[in-house]
Amino acid sequence: MNKQDEELTCCENKIKNRSEKEHKDLLNRLNRIEGQVRGVKKMVDQDAYCVSILTQVSAIQAALNSFNKVLLANHIRTCVADDIREGNDEVIDELVSTLQKLMK
């Protein structure tokens, strides 16, 4: 099993019970992003000017980055902190690996 397979095995069975507020916030953000993507698709269908499309794609990327920041902060405050308190230091390696993937 390679390192990537080990990471998947480590995380694939984990779940996160989110508060109703956190769940709603994340879904609202994703719904807005989904709407932005549909808008870009419509722009392509309507032969919109390239710069206009690129501007909208940049806005989508910023929205995804914002989503990741919120999700990561929540993850560190809850999952990571709880695991460390329980003596599960493996979560630190998981966090480092996740940060490396996000910073590509």
PDB file of N, CA and C in Angstrom:
ATOM      1  N   MET A   1       0.852  -1.176   0.000  1.00  0.00           N
ATOM      2  CA  MET A   1       0.000   0.000   0.000  1.00  0.00           C
ATOM      3  C   MET A   1       0.900   1.242   0.000  1.00  0.00           C
ATOM      4  N   ASN A   2       0.651   2.171  -0.952  1.00  0.00           N
ATOM      5  CA  ASN A   2       1.470   3.383  -0.991  1.00  0.00           C
ATOM      6  C   ASN A   2       0.928   4.413  -0.004  1.00  0.00           C
ATOM      7  N   LYS A   3       1.688   5.529   0.135  1.00  0.00           N
ATOM      8  CA  LYS A   3       1.330   6.556   1.130  1.00  0.00           C
ATOM      9  C   LYS A   3      -0.060   7.133   0.883  1.00  0.00           C
ATOM     10  N   GLN A   4      -0.389   7.368  -0.403  1.00  0.00           N
ATOM     11  CA  GLN A   4      -1.708   7.936  -0.712  1.00  0.00           C
ATOM     12  C   GLN A   4      -2.821   6.970  -0.312  1.00  0.00           C
ATOM     13  N   ASP A   5      -2.622   5.668  -0.568  1.00  0.00           N
ATOM     14  CA  ASP A   5      -3.614   4.678  -0.170  1.00  0.00           C
ATOM     15  C   ASP A   5      -3.771   4.627   1.346  1.00  0.00           C
ATOM     16  N   GLU A   6      -2.628   4.770   2.069  1.00  0.00           N
ATOM     17  CA  GLU A   6      -2.674   4.773   3.520  1.00  0.00           C
ATOM     18  C   GLU A   6      -3.485   5.967   4.025  1.00  0.00           C
ATOM     19  N   GLU A   7      -3.287   7.135   3.386  1.00  0.00           N
ATOM     20  CA  GLU A   7      -4.019   8.331   3.799  1.00  0.00           C
ATOM     21  C   GLU A   7      -5.506   8.144   3.576  1.00  0.00           C
ATOM     22  N   LEU A   8      -5.877   7.538   2.446  1.00  0.00           N
ATOM     23  CA  LEU A   8      -7.291   7.317   2.172  1.00  0.00           C
ATOM     24  C   LEU A   8      -7.894   6.351   3.187  1.00  0.00           C
ATOM     25  N   THR A   9      -7.153   5.282   3.483  1.00  0.00           N
ATOM     26  CA  THR A   9      -7.643   4.311   4.448  1.00  0.00           C
ATOM     27  C   THR A   9      -7.814   4.955   5.803  1.00  0.00           C
ATOM     28  N   CYS A  10      -6.875   5.811   6.171  1.00  0.00           N
ATOM     29  CA  CYS A  10      -6.911   6.498   7.455  1.00  0.00           C
ATOM     30  C   CYS A  10      -8.162   7.366   7.577  1.00  0.00           C
ATOM     31  N   CYS A  11      -8.559   8.007   6.529  1.00  0.00           N
ATOM     32  CA  CYS A  11      -9.603   9.029   6.604  1.00  0.00           C
ATOM     33  C   CYS A  11     -10.961   8.595   6.065  1.00  0.00           C
ATOM     34  N   GLU A  12     -11.006   7.556   5.260  1.00  0.00           N
ATOM     35  CA  GLU A  12     -12.247   7.269   4.545  1.00  0.00           C
ATOM     36  C   GLU A  12     -13.391   6.835   5.448  1.00  0.00           C
ATOM     37  N   ASN A  13     -13.093   6.292   6.608  1.00  0.00           N
ATOM     38  CA  ASN A  13     -14.157   5.834   7.495  1.00  0.00           C
ATOM     39  C   ASN A  13     -14.516   6.859   8.557  1.00  0.00           C
ATOM     40  N   LYS A  14     -13.842   7.984   8.560  1.00  0.00           N
ATOM     41  CA  LYS A  14     -14.131   9.013   9.541  1.00  0.00           C
ATOM     42  C   LYS A  14     -15.342   9.826   9.099  1.00  0.00           C
ATOM     43  N   ILE A  15     -16.099  10.264  10.066  1.00  0.00           N
ATOM     44  CA  ILE A  15     -17.207  11.168   9.779  1.00  0.00           C
ATOM     45  C   ILE A  15     -17.082  12.364  10.701  1.00  0.00           C
ATOM     46  N   LYS A  16     -17.784  13.424  10.364  1.00  0.00           N
ATOM     47  CA  LYS A  16     -17.774  14.642  11.167  1.00  0.00           C
ATOM     48  C   LYS A  16     -19.218  15.037  11.415  1.00  0.00           C
ATOM     49  N   ASN A  17     -19.613  15.038  12.656  1.00  0.00           N
ATOM     50  CA  ASN A  17     -20.945  15.517  13.021  1.00  0.00           C
ATOM     51  C   ASN A  17     -20.866  17.027  13.174  1.00  0.00           C
ATOM     52  N   ARG A  18     -21.443  17.732  12.215  1.00  0.00           N
ATOM     53  CA  ARG A  18     -21.408  19.191  12.229  1.00  0.00           C
ATOM     54  C   ARG A  18     -22.655  19.754  12.891  1.00  0.00           C
ATOM     55  N   SER A  19     -22.480  20.921  13.470  1.00  0.00           N
ATOM     56  CA  SER A  19     -23.644  21.609  14.019  1.00  0.00           C
ATOM     57  C   SER A  19     -24.546  22.013  12.847  1.00  0.00           C
ATOM     58  N   GLU A  20     -25.790  22.302  13.163  1.00  0.00           N
ATOM     59  CA  GLU A  20     -26.728  22.714  12.122  1.00  0.00           C
ATOM     60  C   GLU A  20     -26.246  24.000  11.443  1.00  0.00           C
ATOM     61  N   LYS A  21     -25.697  24.919  12.241  1.00  0.00           N
ATOM     62  CA  LYS A  21     -25.195  26.184  11.690  1.00  0.00           C
ATOM     63  C   LYS A  21     -24.017  25.955  10.745  1.00  0.00           C
ATOM     64  N   GLU A  22     -23.048  25.132  11.163  1.00  0.00           N
ATOM     65  CA  GLU A  22     -21.893  24.848  10.305  1.00  0.00           C
ATOM     66  C   GLU A  22     -22.338  24.163   9.016  1.00  0.00           C
ATOM     67  N   HIS A  23     -23.212  23.193   9.138  1.00  0.00           N
ATOM     68  CA  HIS A  23     -23.724  22.461   7.977  1.00  0.00           C
ATOM     69  C   HIS A  23     -24.410  23.414   7.000  1.00  0.00           C
ATOM     70  N   LYS A  24     -25.268  24.266   7.533  1.00  0.00           N
ATOM     71  CA  LYS A  24     -26.004  25.223   6.701  1.00  0.00           C
ATOM     72  C   LYS A  24     -25.049  26.204   6.017  1.00  0.00           C
ATOM     73  N   ASP A  25     -24.070  26.706   6.755  1.00  0.00           N
ATOM     74  CA  ASP A  25     -23.095  27.647   6.194  1.00  0.00           C
ATOM     75  C   ASP A  25     -22.308  27.015   5.052  1.00  0.00           C
ATOM     76  N   LEU A  26     -21.831  25.796   5.264  1.00  0.00           N
ATOM     77  CA  LEU A  26     -21.051  25.123   4.211  1.00  0.00           C
ATOM     78  C   LEU A  26     -21.908  24.877   2.968  1.00  0.00           C
ATOM     79  N   LEU A  27     -23.127  24.411   3.183  1.00  0.00           N
ATOM     80  CA  LEU A  27     -24.015  24.167   2.030  1.00  0.00           C
ATOM     81  C   LEU A  27     -24.366  25.459   1.299  1.00  0.00           C
ATOM     82  N   ASN A  28     -24.602  26.545   2.036  1.00  0.00           N
ATOM     83  CA  ASN A  28     -24.885  27.831   1.392  1.00  0.00           C
ATOM     84  C   ASN A  28     -23.716  28.269   0.517  1.00  0.00           C
ATOM     85  N   ARG A  29     -22.501  28.123   1.045  1.00  0.00           N
ATOM     86  CA  ARG A  29     -21.316  28.487   0.265  1.00  0.00           C
ATOM     87  C   ARG A  29     -21.222  27.634  -0.999  1.00  0.00           C
ATOM     88  N   LEU A  30     -21.434  26.332  -0.843  1.00  0.00           N
ATOM     89  CA  LEU A  30     -21.352  25.440  -2.008  1.00  0.00           C
ATOM     90  C   LEU A  30     -22.455  25.740  -3.024  1.00  0.00           C
ATOM     91  N   ASN A  31     -23.631  26.070  -2.549  1.00  0.00           N
ATOM     92  CA  ASN A  31     -24.719  26.413  -3.472  1.00  0.00           C
ATOM     93  C   ASN A  31     -24.397  27.671  -4.276  1.00  0.00           C
ATOM     94  N   ARG A  32     -23.782  28.663  -3.607  1.00  0.00           N
ATOM     95  CA  ARG A  32     -23.377  29.877  -4.331  1.00  0.00           C
ATOM     96  C   ARG A  32     -22.315  29.546  -5.385  1.00  0.00           C
ATOM     97  N   ILE A  33     -21.363  28.707  -5.003  1.00  0.00           N
ATOM     98  CA  ILE A  33     -20.308  28.319  -5.950  1.00  0.00           C
ATOM     99  C   ILE A  33     -20.909  27.555  -7.122  1.00  0.00           C
ATOM    100  N   GLU A  34     -21.820  26.672  -6.827  1.00  0.00           N
ATOM    101  CA  GLU A  34     -22.491  25.907  -7.884  1.00  0.00           C
ATOM    102  C   GLU A  34     -23.216  26.857  -8.838  1.00  0.00           C
ATOM    103  N   GLY A  35     -23.865  27.882  -8.299  1.00  0.00           N
ATOM    104  CA  GLY A  35     -24.536  28.870  -9.137  1.00  0.00           C
ATOM    105  C   GLY A  35     -23.548  29.640  -9.999  1.00  0.00           C
ATOM    106  N   GLN A  36     -22.389  29.959  -9.421  1.00  0.00           N
ATOM    107  CA  GLN A  36     -21.359  30.656 -10.194  1.00  0.00           C
ATOM    108  C   GLN A  36     -20.868  29.782 -11.346  1.00  0.00           C
ATOM    109  N   VAL A  37     -20.684  28.507 -11.090  1.00  0.00           N
ATOM    110  CA  VAL A  37     -20.217  27.587 -12.140  1.00  0.00           C
ATOM    111  C   VAL A  37     -21.272  27.479 -13.245  1.00  0.00           C
ATOM    112  N   ARG A  38     -22.526  27.388 -12.854  1.00  0.00           N
ATOM    113  CA  ARG A  38     -23.598  27.352 -13.869  1.00  0.00           C
ATOM    114  C   ARG A  38     -23.597  28.646 -14.686  1.00  0.00           C
ATOM    115  N   GLY A  39     -23.331  29.769 -14.019  1.00  0.00           N
ATOM    116  CA  GLY A  39     -23.255  31.050 -14.720  1.00  0.00           C
ATOM    117  C   GLY A  39     -22.132  31.073 -15.737  1.00  0.00           C
ATOM    118  N   VAL A  40     -20.991  30.504 -15.396  1.00  0.00           N
ATOM    119  CA  VAL A  40     -19.868  30.443 -16.340  1.00  0.00           C
ATOM    120  C   VAL A  40     -20.213  29.533 -17.509  1.00  0.00           C
ATOM    121  N   LYS A  41     -20.859  28.434 -17.225  1.00  0.00           N
ATOM    122  CA  LYS A  41     -21.280  27.535 -18.303  1.00  0.00           C
ATOM    123  C   LYS A  41     -22.207  28.267 -19.271  1.00  0.00           C
ATOM    124  N   LYS A  42     -23.131  29.037 -18.721  1.00  0.00           N
ATOM    125  CA  LYS A  42     -24.049  29.817 -19.548  1.00  0.00           C
ATOM    126  C   LYS A  42     -23.273  30.840 -20.375  1.00  0.00           C
ATOM    127  N   MET A  43     -22.262  31.462 -19.766  1.00  0.00           N
ATOM    128  CA  MET A  43     -21.436  32.435 -20.501  1.00  0.00           C
ATOM    129  C   MET A  43     -20.743  31.772 -21.684  1.00  0.00           C
ATOM    130  N   VAL A  44     -20.236  30.564 -21.473  1.00  0.00           N
ATOM    131  CA  VAL A  44     -19.581  29.833 -22.568  1.00  0.00           C
ATOM    132  C   VAL A  44     -20.598  29.514 -23.648  1.00  0.00           C
ATOM    133  N   ASP A  45     -21.775  29.050 -23.235  1.00  0.00           N
ATOM    134  CA  ASP A  45     -22.840  28.739 -24.200  1.00  0.00           C
ATOM    135  C   ASP A  45     -23.230  29.966 -25.023  1.00  0.00           C
ATOM    136  N   GLN A  46     -23.139  31.139 -24.396  1.00  0.00           N
ATOM    137  CA  GLN A  46     -23.538  32.372 -25.069  1.00  0.00           C
ATOM    138  C   GLN A  46     -22.353  33.100 -25.719  1.00  0.00           C
ATOM    139  N   ASP A  47     -21.218  32.402 -25.811  1.00  0.00           N
ATOM    140  CA  ASP A  47     -20.023  32.964 -26.442  1.00  0.00           C
ATOM    141  C   ASP A  47     -19.578  34.280 -25.818  1.00  0.00           C
ATOM    142  N   ALA A  48     -19.597  34.331 -24.492  1.00  0.00           N
ATOM    143  CA  ALA A  48     -19.155  35.537 -23.781  1.00  0.00           C
ATOM    144  C   ALA A  48     -17.668  35.779 -24.027  1.00  0.00           C
ATOM    145  N   TYR A  49     -17.268  37.003 -23.847  1.00  0.00           N
ATOM    146  CA  TYR A  49     -15.878  37.410 -24.039  1.00  0.00           C
ATOM    147  C   TYR A  49     -14.978  36.678 -23.040  1.00  0.00           C
ATOM    148  N   CYS A  50     -13.812  36.241 -23.508  1.00  0.00           N
ATOM    149  CA  CYS A  50     -12.890  35.430 -22.697  1.00  0.00           C
ATOM    150  C   CYS A  50     -12.555  36.083 -21.356  1.00  0.00           C
ATOM    151  N   VAL A  51     -12.258  37.370 -21.366  1.00  0.00           N
ATOM    152  CA  VAL A  51     -11.881  38.053 -20.126  1.00  0.00           C
ATOM    153  C   VAL A  51     -13.033  38.032 -19.131  1.00  0.00           C
ATOM    154  N   SER A  52     -14.236  38.152 -19.604  1.00  0.00           N
ATOM    155  CA  SER A  52     -15.400  38.088 -18.711  1.00  0.00           C
ATOM    156  C   SER A  52     -15.501  36.716 -18.054  1.00  0.00           C
ATOM    157  N   ILE A  53     -15.276  35.683 -18.832  1.00  0.00           N
ATOM    158  CA  ILE A  53     -15.312  34.317 -18.289  1.00  0.00           C
ATOM    159  C   ILE A  53     -14.175  34.120 -17.292  1.00  0.00           C
ATOM    160  N   LEU A  54     -12.988  34.551 -17.655  1.00  0.00           N
ATOM    161  CA  LEU A  54     -11.835  34.401 -16.766  1.00  0.00           C
ATOM    162  C   LEU A  54     -12.055  35.123 -15.438  1.00  0.00           C
ATOM    163  N   THR A  55     -12.680  36.270 -15.489  1.00  0.00           N
ATOM    164  CA  THR A  55     -12.974  37.022 -14.267  1.00  0.00           C
ATOM    165  C   THR A  55     -13.910  36.227 -13.365  1.00  0.00           C
ATOM    166  N   GLN A  56     -14.914  35.610 -13.960  1.00  0.00           N
ATOM    167  CA  GLN A  56     -15.861  34.812 -13.181  1.00  0.00           C
ATOM    168  C   GLN A  56     -15.209  33.548 -12.626  1.00  0.00           C
ATOM    169  N   VAL A  57     -14.334  32.930 -13.409  1.00  0.00           N
ATOM    170  CA  VAL A  57     -13.618  31.741 -12.929  1.00  0.00           C
ATOM    171  C   VAL A  57     -12.733  32.113 -11.744  1.00  0.00           C
ATOM    172  N   SER A  58     -12.101  33.285 -11.825  1.00  0.00           N
ATOM    173  CA  SER A  58     -11.284  33.757 -10.710  1.00  0.00           C
ATOM    174  C   SER A  58     -12.139  33.939  -9.459  1.00  0.00           C
ATOM    175  N   ALA A  59     -13.344  34.440  -9.619  1.00  0.00           N
ATOM    176  CA  ALA A  59     -14.259  34.603  -8.482  1.00  0.00           C
ATOM    177  C   ALA A  59     -14.636  33.242  -7.901  1.00  0.00           C
ATOM    178  N   ILE A  60     -14.812  32.249  -8.748  1.00  0.00           N
ATOM    179  CA  ILE A  60     -15.123  30.890  -8.281  1.00  0.00           C
ATOM    180  C   ILE A  60     -13.955  30.336  -7.479  1.00  0.00           C
ATOM    181  N   GLN A  61     -12.740  30.529  -7.994  1.00  0.00           N
ATOM    182  CA  GLN A  61     -11.559  30.048  -7.273  1.00  0.00           C
ATOM    183  C   GLN A  61     -11.446  30.717  -5.904  1.00  0.00           C
ATOM    184  N   ALA A  62     -11.730  32.008  -5.842  1.00  0.00           N
ATOM    185  CA  ALA A  62     -11.686  32.726  -4.563  1.00  0.00           C
ATOM    186  C   ALA A  62     -12.751  32.174  -3.609  1.00  0.00           C
ATOM    187  N   ALA A  63     -13.922  31.874  -4.138  1.00  0.00           N
ATOM    188  CA  ALA A  63     -14.994  31.320  -3.301  1.00  0.00           C
ATOM    189  C   ALA A  63     -14.617  29.934  -2.788  1.00  0.00           C
ATOM    190  N   LEU A  64     -13.985  29.121  -3.621  1.00  0.00           N
ATOM    191  CA  LEU A  64     -13.530  27.797  -3.184  1.00  0.00           C
ATOM    192  C   LEU A  64     -12.439  27.924  -2.127  1.00  0.00           C
ATOM    193  N   ASN A  65     -11.530  28.869  -2.315  1.00  0.00           N
ATOM    194  CA  ASN A  65     -10.484  29.099  -1.315  1.00  0.00           C
ATOM    195  C   ASN A  65     -11.100  29.512   0.017  1.00  0.00           C
ATOM    196  N   SER A  66     -12.101  30.364  -0.041  1.00  0.00           N
ATOM    197  CA  SER A  66     -12.785  30.802   1.168  1.00  0.00           C
ATOM    198  C   SER A  66     -13.478  29.625   1.849  1.00  0.00           C
ATOM    199  N   PHE A  67     -14.119  28.779   1.058  1.00  0.00           N
ATOM    200  CA  PHE A  67     -14.760  27.571   1.582  1.00  0.00           C
ATOM    201  C   PHE A  67     -13.729  26.701   2.300  1.00  0.00           C
ATOM    202  N   ASN A  68     -12.576  26.498   1.650  1.00  0.00           N
ATOM    203  CA  ASN A  68     -11.520  25.684   2.250  1.00  0.00           C
ATOM    204  C   ASN A  68     -11.027  26.283   3.562  1.00  0.00           C
ATOM    205  N   LYS A  69     -10.884  27.600   3.618  1.00  0.00           N
ATOM    206  CA  LYS A  69     -10.411  28.247   4.847  1.00  0.00           C
ATOM    207  C   LYS A  69     -11.385  28.004   6.000  1.00  0.00           C
ATOM    208  N   VAL A  70     -12.671  28.154   5.722  1.00  0.00           N
ATOM    209  CA  VAL A  70     -13.689  27.938   6.754  1.00  0.00           C
ATOM    210  C   VAL A  70     -13.682  26.483   7.208  1.00  0.00           C
ATOM    211  N   LEU A  71     -13.670  25.565   6.248  1.00  0.00           N
ATOM    212  CA  LEU A  71     -13.690  24.140   6.570  1.00  0.00           C
ATOM    213  C   LEU A  71     -12.431  23.735   7.332  1.00  0.00           C
ATOM    214  N   LEU A  72     -11.275  24.228   6.894  1.00  0.00           N
ATOM    215  CA  LEU A  72     -10.021  23.902   7.563  1.00  0.00           C
ATOM    216  C   LEU A  72      -9.994  24.446   8.991  1.00  0.00           C
ATOM    217  N   ALA A  73     -10.435  25.672   9.174  1.00  0.00           N
ATOM    218  CA  ALA A  73     -10.466  26.249  10.525  1.00  0.00           C
ATOM    219  C   ALA A  73     -11.368  25.430  11.442  1.00  0.00           C
ATOM    220  N   ASN A  74     -12.536  25.060  10.943  1.00  0.00           N
ATOM    221  CA  ASN A  74     -13.451  24.231  11.734  1.00  0.00           C
ATOM    222  C   ASN A  74     -12.814  22.874  12.053  1.00  0.00           C
ATOM    223  N   HIS A  75     -12.125  22.307  11.078  1.00  0.00           N
ATOM    224  CA  HIS A  75     -11.478  21.008  11.253  1.00  0.00           C
ATOM    225  C   HIS A  75     -10.413  21.077  12.350  1.00  0.00           C
ATOM    226  N   ILE A  76      -9.596  22.129  12.306  1.00  0.00           N
ATOM    227  CA  ILE A  76      -8.533  22.272  13.307  1.00  0.00           C
ATOM    228  C   ILE A  76      -9.127  22.474  14.696  1.00  0.00           C
ATOM    229  N   ARG A  77     -10.151  23.323  14.781  1.00  0.00           N
ATOM    230  CA  ARG A  77     -10.763  23.618  16.086  1.00  0.00           C
ATOM    231  C   ARG A  77     -11.477  22.423  16.699  1.00  0.00           C
ATOM    232  N   THR A  78     -11.950  21.526  15.873  1.00  0.00           N
ATOM    233  CA  THR A  78     -12.731  20.403  16.404  1.00  0.00           C
ATOM    234  C   THR A  78     -11.976  19.082  16.249  1.00  0.00           C
ATOM    235  N   CYS A  79     -11.929  18.550  15.073  1.00  0.00           N
ATOM    236  CA  CYS A  79     -11.361  17.210  14.837  1.00  0.00           C
ATOM    237  C   CYS A  79      -9.913  17.107  15.315  1.00  0.00           C
ATOM    238  N   VAL A  80      -9.076  18.041  14.874  1.00  0.00           N
ATOM    239  CA  VAL A  80      -7.654  17.978  15.219  1.00  0.00           C
ATOM    240  C   VAL A  80      -7.467  18.171  16.722  1.00  0.00           C
ATOM    241  N   ALA A  81      -8.090  19.194  17.270  1.00  0.00           N
ATOM    242  CA  ALA A  81      -7.953  19.458  18.707  1.00  0.00           C
ATOM    243  C   ALA A  81      -8.438  18.273  19.540  1.00  0.00           C
ATOM    244  N   ASP A  82      -9.582  17.709  19.176  1.00  0.00           N
ATOM    245  CA  ASP A  82     -10.118  16.566  19.918  1.00  0.00           C
ATOM    246  C   ASP A  82      -9.174  15.364  19.842  1.00  0.00           C
ATOM    247  N   ASP A  83      -8.655  15.075  18.646  1.00  0.00           N
ATOM    248  CA  ASP A  83      -7.741  13.942  18.493  1.00  0.00           C
ATOM    249  C   ASP A  83      -6.465  14.141  19.301  1.00  0.00           C
ATOM    250  N   ILE A  84      -5.935  15.339  19.307  1.00  0.00           N
ATOM    251  CA  ILE A  84      -4.717  15.604  20.081  1.00  0.00           C
ATOM    252  C   ILE A  84      -4.996  15.420  21.572  1.00  0.00           C
ATOM    253  N   ARG A  85      -6.135  15.930  22.035  1.00  0.00           N
ATOM    254  CA  ARG A  85      -6.510  15.770  23.451  1.00  0.00           C
ATOM    255  C   ARG A  85      -6.636  14.296  23.836  1.00  0.00           C
ATOM    256  N   GLU A  86      -7.058  13.473  22.854  1.00  0.00           N
ATOM    257  CA  GLU A  86      -7.216  12.035  23.109  1.00  0.00           C
ATOM    258  C   GLU A  86      -5.910  11.268  22.907  1.00  0.00           C
ATOM    259  N   GLY A  87      -4.835  11.982  22.580  1.00  0.00           N
ATOM    260  CA  GLY A  87      -3.534  11.340  22.411  1.00  0.00           C
ATOM    261  C   GLY A  87      -3.267  10.803  21.022  1.00  0.00           C
ATOM    262  N   ASN A  88      -4.113  11.126  20.059  1.00  0.00           N
ATOM    263  CA  ASN A  88      -3.931  10.660  18.687  1.00  0.00           C
ATOM    264  C   ASN A  88      -3.106  11.689  17.911  1.00  0.00           C
ATOM    265  N   ASP A  89      -1.786  11.554  18.008  1.00  0.00           N
ATOM    266  CA  ASP A  89      -0.892  12.493  17.336  1.00  0.00           C
ATOM    267  C   ASP A  89      -0.806  12.261  15.822  1.00  0.00           C
ATOM    268  N   GLU A  90      -1.351  11.140  15.334  1.00  0.00           N
ATOM    269  CA  GLU A  90      -1.358  10.882  13.881  1.00  0.00           C
ATOM    270  C   GLU A  90      -2.122  11.966  13.133  1.00  0.00           C
ATOM    271  N   VAL A  91      -3.053  12.609  13.817  1.00  0.00           N
ATOM    272  CA  VAL A  91      -3.853  13.664  13.194  1.00  0.00           C
ATOM    273  C   VAL A  91      -2.963  14.820  12.748  1.00  0.00           C
ATOM    274  N   ILE A  92      -1.826  15.004  13.389  1.00  0.00           N
ATOM    275  CA  ILE A  92      -0.908  16.075  12.993  1.00  0.00           C
ATOM    276  C   ILE A  92      -0.324  15.776  11.616  1.00  0.00           C
ATOM    277  N   ASP A  93       0.084  14.530  11.391  1.00  0.00           N
ATOM    278  CA  ASP A  93       0.603  14.147  10.071  1.00  0.00           C
ATOM    279  C   ASP A  93      -0.478  14.295   9.009  1.00  0.00           C
ATOM    280  N   GLU A  94      -1.709  13.928   9.358  1.00  0.00           N
ATOM    281  CA  GLU A  94      -2.834  14.072   8.436  1.00  0.00           C
ATOM    282  C   GLU A  94      -3.047  15.539   8.086  1.00  0.00           C
ATOM    283  N   LEU A  95      -2.964  16.415   9.081  1.00  0.00           N
ATOM    284  CA  LEU A  95      -3.141  17.850   8.863  1.00  0.00           C
ATOM    285  C   LEU A  95      -2.026  18.401   7.982  1.00  0.00           C
ATOM    286  N   VAL A  96      -0.781  18.024   8.261  1.00  0.00           N
ATOM    287  CA  VAL A  96       0.351  18.481   7.446  1.00  0.00           C
ATOM    288  C   VAL A  96       0.167  18.036   6.000  1.00  0.00           C
ATOM    289  N   SER A  97      -0.214  16.795   5.798  1.00  0.00           N
ATOM    290  CA  SER A  97      -0.445  16.275   4.444  1.00  0.00           C
ATOM    291  C   SER A  97      -1.561  17.046   3.740  1.00  0.00           C
ATOM    292  N   THR A  98      -2.619  17.333   4.476  1.00  0.00           N
ATOM    293  CA  THR A  98      -3.736  18.089   3.911  1.00  0.00           C
ATOM    294  C   THR A  98      -3.300  19.495   3.517  1.00  0.00           C
ATOM    295  N   LEU A  99      -2.543  20.152   4.379  1.00  0.00           N
ATOM    296  CA  LEU A  99      -2.053  21.508   4.078  1.00  0.00           C
ATOM    297  C   LEU A  99      -1.149  21.498   2.855  1.00  0.00           C
ATOM    298  N   GLN A 100      -0.321  20.473   2.733  1.00  0.00           N
ATOM    299  CA  GLN A 100       0.553  20.379   1.555  1.00  0.00           C
ATOM    300  C   GLN A 100      -0.266  20.247   0.278  1.00  0.00           C
ATOM    301  N   LYS A 101      -1.336  19.489   0.324  1.00  0.00           N
ATOM    302  CA  LYS A 101      -2.209  19.333  -0.849  1.00  0.00           C
ATOM    303  C   LYS A 101      -2.902  20.648  -1.194  1.00  0.00           C
ATOM    304  N   LEU A 102      -3.335  21.378  -0.166  1.00  0.00           N
ATOM    305  CA  LEU A 102      -4.031  22.641  -0.401  1.00  0.00           C
ATOM    306  C   LEU A 102      -3.118  23.722  -0.951  1.00  0.00           C
ATOM    307  N   MET A 103      -1.822  23.613  -0.667  1.00  0.00           N
ATOM    308  CA  MET A 103      -0.887  24.645  -1.087  1.00  0.00           C
ATOM    309  C   MET A 103      -0.242  24.384  -2.429  1.00  0.00           C
ATOM    310  N   LYS A 104      -0.707  23.384  -3.145  1.00  0.00           N
ATOM    311  CA  LYS A 104      -0.141  23.094  -4.473  1.00  0.00           C
ATOM    312  C   LYS A 104      -0.464  24.197  -5.440  1.00  0.00           C
TER     313      LYS A 104
END
